[in-house]
């Protein structure tokens, strides 16, 4: 039976970890640079407008 190439598998795991770490660092940097964040945060003013009735809307 052929031996498994553990060093190849280990290298692939290391590359995957490095790729994930770089992606995480990139996302963190993007979130830091964007003004409102990236997690779907809406500006606070929009929520207040939706809750209050508008003058042009019929009651």
PDB file of N, CA and C in Angstrom:
ATOM      1  N   UNK A   1       0.852  -1.181   0.000  1.00  0.00           N
ATOM      2  CA  UNK A   1       0.000   0.000   0.000  1.00  0.00           C
ATOM      3  C   UNK A   1       0.899   1.246   0.000  1.00  0.00           C
ATOM      4  N   UNK A   2       0.475   2.266  -0.721  1.00  0.00           N
ATOM      5  CA  UNK A   2       1.258   3.499  -0.831  1.00  0.00           C
ATOM      6  C   UNK A   2       1.130   4.330   0.435  1.00  0.00           C
ATOM      7  N   UNK A   3       2.212   5.009   0.775  1.00  0.00           N
ATOM      8  CA  UNK A   3       2.195   5.872   1.960  1.00  0.00           C
ATOM      9  C   UNK A   3       1.523   7.203   1.615  1.00  0.00           C
ATOM     10  N   UNK A   4       0.845   7.753   2.587  1.00  0.00           N
ATOM     11  CA  UNK A   4       0.226   9.064   2.419  1.00  0.00           C
ATOM     12  C   UNK A   4       1.303  10.125   2.540  1.00  0.00           C
ATOM     13  N   UNK A   5       1.208  11.135   1.700  1.00  0.00           N
ATOM     14  CA  UNK A   5       2.178  12.227   1.722  1.00  0.00           C
ATOM     15  C   UNK A   5       1.707  13.278   2.732  1.00  0.00           C
ATOM     16  N   UNK A   6       2.094  13.081   3.991  1.00  0.00           N
ATOM     17  CA  UNK A   6       1.635  13.971   5.054  1.00  0.00           C
ATOM     18  C   UNK A   6       2.167  15.386   4.898  1.00  0.00           C
ATOM     19  N   UNK A   7       3.363  15.543   4.378  1.00  0.00           N
ATOM     20  CA  UNK A   7       3.917  16.890   4.237  1.00  0.00           C
ATOM     21  C   UNK A   7       3.116  17.693   3.211  1.00  0.00           C
ATOM     22  N   UNK A   8       2.609  17.039   2.163  1.00  0.00           N
ATOM     23  CA  UNK A   8       1.771  17.734   1.185  1.00  0.00           C
ATOM     24  C   UNK A   8       0.465  18.177   1.837  1.00  0.00           C
ATOM     25  N   UNK A   9      -0.157  17.263   2.595  1.00  0.00           N
ATOM     26  CA  UNK A   9      -1.416  17.595   3.272  1.00  0.00           C
ATOM     27  C   UNK A   9      -1.215  18.718   4.284  1.00  0.00           C
ATOM     28  N   UNK A  10      -0.113  18.660   5.011  1.00  0.00           N
ATOM     29  CA  UNK A  10       0.178  19.702   5.997  1.00  0.00           C
ATOM     30  C   UNK A  10       0.349  21.048   5.293  1.00  0.00           C
ATOM     31  N   UNK A  11       1.059  21.050   4.200  1.00  0.00           N
ATOM     32  CA  UNK A  11       1.277  22.300   3.443  1.00  0.00           C
ATOM     33  C   UNK A  11      -0.060  22.861   2.953  1.00  0.00           C
ATOM     34  N   UNK A  12      -0.942  21.998   2.501  1.00  0.00           N
ATOM     35  CA  UNK A  12      -2.251  22.458   2.032  1.00  0.00           C
ATOM     36  C   UNK A  12      -3.059  23.060   3.171  1.00  0.00           C
ATOM     37  N   UNK A  13      -3.008  22.448   4.359  1.00  0.00           N
ATOM     38  CA  UNK A  13      -3.702  23.003   5.527  1.00  0.00           C
ATOM     39  C   UNK A  13      -3.118  24.361   5.904  1.00  0.00           C
ATOM     40  N   UNK A  14      -1.789  24.472   5.864  1.00  0.00           N
ATOM     41  CA  UNK A  14      -1.136  25.740   6.191  1.00  0.00           C
ATOM     42  C   UNK A  14      -1.537  26.831   5.203  1.00  0.00           C
ATOM     43  N   UNK A  15      -1.591  26.475   3.922  1.00  0.00           N
ATOM     44  CA  UNK A  15      -1.995  27.457   2.909  1.00  0.00           C
ATOM     45  C   UNK A  15      -3.437  27.903   3.114  1.00  0.00           C
ATOM     46  N   UNK A  16      -4.303  26.964   3.478  1.00  0.00           N
ATOM     47  CA  UNK A  16      -5.712  27.284   3.729  1.00  0.00           C
ATOM     48  C   UNK A  16      -5.841  28.210   4.937  1.00  0.00           C
ATOM     49  N   UNK A  17      -5.089  27.929   6.000  1.00  0.00           N
ATOM     50  CA  UNK A  17      -5.111  28.795   7.181  1.00  0.00           C
ATOM     51  C   UNK A  17      -4.624  30.197   6.834  1.00  0.00           C
ATOM     52  N   UNK A  18      -3.558  30.265   6.052  1.00  0.00           N
ATOM     53  CA  UNK A  18      -3.001  31.564   5.659  1.00  0.00           C
ATOM     54  C   UNK A  18      -4.015  32.344   4.815  1.00  0.00           C
ATOM     55  N   UNK A  19      -4.681  31.639   3.913  1.00  0.00           N
ATOM     56  CA  UNK A  19      -5.681  32.277   3.061  1.00  0.00           C
ATOM     57  C   UNK A  19      -6.834  32.826   3.897  1.00  0.00           C
ATOM     58  N   UNK A  20      -7.302  32.027   4.871  1.00  0.00           N
ATOM     59  CA  UNK A  20      -8.386  32.473   5.745  1.00  0.00           C
ATOM     60  C   UNK A  20      -7.964  33.674   6.572  1.00  0.00           C
ATOM     61  N   UNK A  21      -6.739  33.648   7.095  1.00  0.00           N
ATOM     62  CA  UNK A  21      -6.241  34.751   7.909  1.00  0.00           C
ATOM     63  C   UNK A  21      -6.151  36.033   7.082  1.00  0.00           C
ATOM     64  N   UNK A  22      -5.690  35.926   5.844  1.00  0.00           N
ATOM     65  CA  UNK A  22      -5.598  37.099   4.971  1.00  0.00           C
ATOM     66  C   UNK A  22      -6.984  37.642   4.647  1.00  0.00           C
ATOM     67  N   UNK A  23      -7.942  36.748   4.396  1.00  0.00           N
ATOM     68  CA  UNK A  23      -9.314  37.169   4.100  1.00  0.00           C
ATOM     69  C   UNK A  23      -9.929  37.874   5.313  1.00  0.00           C
ATOM     70  N   UNK A  24      -9.692  37.330   6.487  1.00  0.00           N
ATOM     71  CA  UNK A  24     -10.213  37.930   7.711  1.00  0.00           C
ATOM     72  C   UNK A  24      -9.594  39.315   7.928  1.00  0.00           C
ATOM     73  N   UNK A  25      -8.292  39.425   7.711  1.00  0.00           N
ATOM     74  CA  UNK A  25      -7.609  40.709   7.882  1.00  0.00           C
ATOM     75  C   UNK A  25      -8.125  41.727   6.865  1.00  0.00           C
ATOM     76  N   UNK A  26      -8.396  41.266   5.642  1.00  0.00           N
ATOM     77  CA  UNK A  26      -8.912  42.164   4.604  1.00  0.00           C
ATOM     78  C   UNK A  26     -10.313  42.657   4.973  1.00  0.00           C
ATOM     79  N   UNK A  27     -11.165  41.750   5.449  1.00  0.00           N
ATOM     80  CA  UNK A  27     -12.513  42.150   5.858  1.00  0.00           C
ATOM     81  C   UNK A  27     -12.464  43.132   7.023  1.00  0.00           C
ATOM     82  N   UNK A  28     -11.571  42.862   7.953  1.00  0.00           N
ATOM     83  CA  UNK A  28     -11.433  43.739   9.117  1.00  0.00           C
ATOM     84  C   UNK A  28     -10.973  45.130   8.676  1.00  0.00           C
ATOM     85  N   UNK A  29     -10.040  45.167   7.741  1.00  0.00           N
ATOM     86  CA  UNK A  29      -9.544  46.452   7.233  1.00  0.00           C
ATOM     87  C   UNK A  29     -10.645  47.174   6.460  1.00  0.00           C
ATOM     88  N   UNK A  30     -11.427  46.452   5.663  1.00  0.00           N
ATOM     89  CA  UNK A  30     -12.531  47.064   4.921  1.00  0.00           C
ATOM     90  C   UNK A  30     -13.565  47.646   5.880  1.00  0.00           C
ATOM     91  N   UNK A  31     -13.889  46.900   6.926  1.00  0.00           N
ATOM     92  CA  UNK A  31     -14.868  47.379   7.903  1.00  0.00           C
ATOM     93  C   UNK A  31     -14.343  48.610   8.629  1.00  0.00           C
ATOM     94  N   UNK A  32     -13.062  48.636   8.880  1.00  0.00           N
ATOM     95  CA  UNK A  32     -12.450  49.774   9.566  1.00  0.00           C
ATOM     96  C   UNK A  32     -12.480  51.020   8.677  1.00  0.00           C
ATOM     97  N   UNK A  33     -12.271  50.827   7.378  1.00  0.00           N
ATOM     98  CA  UNK A  33     -12.218  51.957   6.447  1.00  0.00           C
ATOM     99  C   UNK A  33     -13.591  52.467   6.042  1.00  0.00           C
ATOM    100  N   UNK A  34     -14.610  51.607   6.068  1.00  0.00           N
ATOM    101  CA  UNK A  34     -15.944  52.055   5.670  1.00  0.00           C
ATOM    102  C   UNK A  34     -16.578  52.829   6.824  1.00  0.00           C
ATOM    103  N   UNK A  35     -17.297  53.896   6.539  1.00  0.00           N
ATOM    104  CA  UNK A  35     -17.835  54.743   7.603  1.00  0.00           C
ATOM    105  C   UNK A  35     -18.886  54.071   8.469  1.00  0.00           C
ATOM    106  N   UNK A  36     -19.787  53.277   7.898  1.00  0.00           N
ATOM    107  CA  UNK A  36     -20.878  52.699   8.670  1.00  0.00           C
ATOM    108  C   UNK A  36     -20.661  51.247   9.015  1.00  0.00           C
ATOM    109  N   UNK A  37     -19.550  50.685   8.660  1.00  0.00           N
ATOM    110  CA  UNK A  37     -19.336  49.261   8.884  1.00  0.00           C
ATOM    111  C   UNK A  37     -19.912  48.475   7.724  1.00  0.00           C
ATOM    112  N   UNK A  38     -19.759  47.180   7.774  1.00  0.00           N
ATOM    113  CA  UNK A  38     -20.169  46.343   6.656  1.00  0.00           C
ATOM    114  C   UNK A  38     -21.327  45.428   7.013  1.00  0.00           C
ATOM    115  N   UNK A  39     -21.684  45.338   8.248  1.00  0.00           N
ATOM    116  CA  UNK A  39     -22.662  44.371   8.724  1.00  0.00           C
ATOM    117  C   UNK A  39     -24.097  44.848   8.570  1.00  0.00           C
ATOM    118  N   UNK A  40     -24.449  45.519   7.499  1.00  0.00           N
ATOM    119  CA  UNK A  40     -25.827  45.905   7.256  1.00  0.00           C
ATOM    120  C   UNK A  40     -26.350  46.960   8.193  1.00  0.00           C
ATOM    121  N   UNK A  41     -25.480  47.744   8.745  1.00  0.00           N
ATOM    122  CA  UNK A  41     -25.940  48.780   9.666  1.00  0.00           C
ATOM    123  C   UNK A  41     -26.500  49.947   8.862  1.00  0.00           C
ATOM    124  N   UNK A  42     -27.744  50.296   9.141  1.00  0.00           N
ATOM    125  CA  UNK A  42     -28.392  51.410   8.471  1.00  0.00           C
ATOM    126  C   UNK A  42     -28.158  52.677   9.286  1.00  0.00           C
ATOM    127  N   UNK A  43     -28.119  53.817   8.627  1.00  0.00           N
ATOM    128  CA  UNK A  43     -27.996  55.063   9.384  1.00  0.00           C
ATOM    129  C   UNK A  43     -29.178  55.227  10.333  1.00  0.00           C
ATOM    130  N   UNK A  44     -28.942  55.813  11.485  1.00  0.00           N
ATOM    131  CA  UNK A  44     -29.975  55.921  12.509  1.00  0.00           C
ATOM    132  C   UNK A  44     -31.140  56.805  12.069  1.00  0.00           C
ATOM    133  N   UNK A  45     -30.908  57.767  11.214  1.00  0.00           N
ATOM    134  CA  UNK A  45     -31.950  58.682  10.768  1.00  0.00           C
ATOM    135  C   UNK A  45     -33.044  57.986   9.977  1.00  0.00           C
ATOM    136  N   UNK A  46     -32.725  56.957   9.231  1.00  0.00           N
ATOM    137  CA  UNK A  46     -33.717  56.250   8.421  1.00  0.00           C
ATOM    138  C   UNK A  46     -34.748  55.553   9.301  1.00  0.00           C
ATOM    139  N   UNK A  47     -34.316  54.960  10.390  1.00  0.00           N
ATOM    140  CA  UNK A  47     -35.249  54.254  11.267  1.00  0.00           C
ATOM    141  C   UNK A  47     -36.236  55.226  11.908  1.00  0.00           C
ATOM    142  N   UNK A  48     -35.762  56.405  12.286  1.00  0.00           N
ATOM    143  CA  UNK A  48     -36.629  57.390  12.921  1.00  0.00           C
ATOM    144  C   UNK A  48     -37.677  57.899  11.922  1.00  0.00           C
ATOM    145  N   UNK A  49     -37.292  58.049  10.667  1.00  0.00           N
ATOM    146  CA  UNK A  49     -38.232  58.539   9.651  1.00  0.00           C
ATOM    147  C   UNK A  49     -39.324  57.513   9.378  1.00  0.00           C
ATOM    148  N   UNK A  50     -38.984  56.233   9.374  1.00  0.00           N
ATOM    149  CA  UNK A  50     -39.966  55.196   9.098  1.00  0.00           C
ATOM    150  C   UNK A  50     -41.003  55.095  10.230  1.00  0.00           C
ATOM    151  N   UNK A  51     -40.593  55.338  11.455  1.00  0.00           N
ATOM    152  CA  UNK A  51     -41.480  55.194  12.590  1.00  0.00           C
ATOM    153  C   UNK A  51     -42.483  56.365  12.667  1.00  0.00           C
ATOM    154  N   UNK A  52     -42.070  57.552  12.287  1.00  0.00           N
ATOM    155  CA  UNK A  52     -42.926  58.717  12.374  1.00  0.00           C
ATOM    156  C   UNK A  52     -43.736  58.867  11.092  1.00  0.00           C
ATOM    157  N   UNK A  53     -45.036  59.206  11.187  1.00  0.00           N
ATOM    158  CA  UNK A  53     -45.831  59.424   9.973  1.00  0.00           C
ATOM    159  C   UNK A  53     -45.370  60.700   9.267  1.00  0.00           C
ATOM    160  N   UNK A  54     -45.464  60.676   7.986  1.00  0.00           N
ATOM    161  CA  UNK A  54     -45.035  61.834   7.202  1.00  0.00           C
ATOM    162  C   UNK A  54     -46.224  62.746   6.950  1.00  0.00           C
ATOM    163  N   UNK A  55     -45.951  64.012   6.740  1.00  0.00           N
ATOM    164  CA  UNK A  55     -47.020  65.005   6.525  1.00  0.00           C
ATOM    165  C   UNK A  55     -47.743  64.727   5.201  1.00  0.00           C
ATOM    166  N   UNK A  56     -47.048  64.190   4.207  1.00  0.00           N
ATOM    167  CA  UNK A  56     -47.672  63.958   2.915  1.00  0.00           C
ATOM    168  C   UNK A  56     -48.487  62.673   2.881  1.00  0.00           C
ATOM    169  N   UNK A  57     -48.313  61.781   3.848  1.00  0.00           N
ATOM    170  CA  UNK A  57     -49.076  60.536   3.892  1.00  0.00           C
ATOM    171  C   UNK A  57     -50.468  60.781   4.460  1.00  0.00           C
ATOM    172  N   UNK A  58     -51.524  60.271   3.824  1.00  0.00           N
ATOM    173  CA  UNK A  58     -52.863  60.421   4.389  1.00  0.00           C
ATOM    174  C   UNK A  58     -53.000  59.565   5.647  1.00  0.00           C
ATOM    175  N   UNK A  59     -53.705  60.089   6.629  1.00  0.00           N
ATOM    176  CA  UNK A  59     -53.850  59.381   7.901  1.00  0.00           C
ATOM    177  C   UNK A  59     -55.155  58.636   7.955  1.00  0.00           C
TER     178      UNK A  59
END
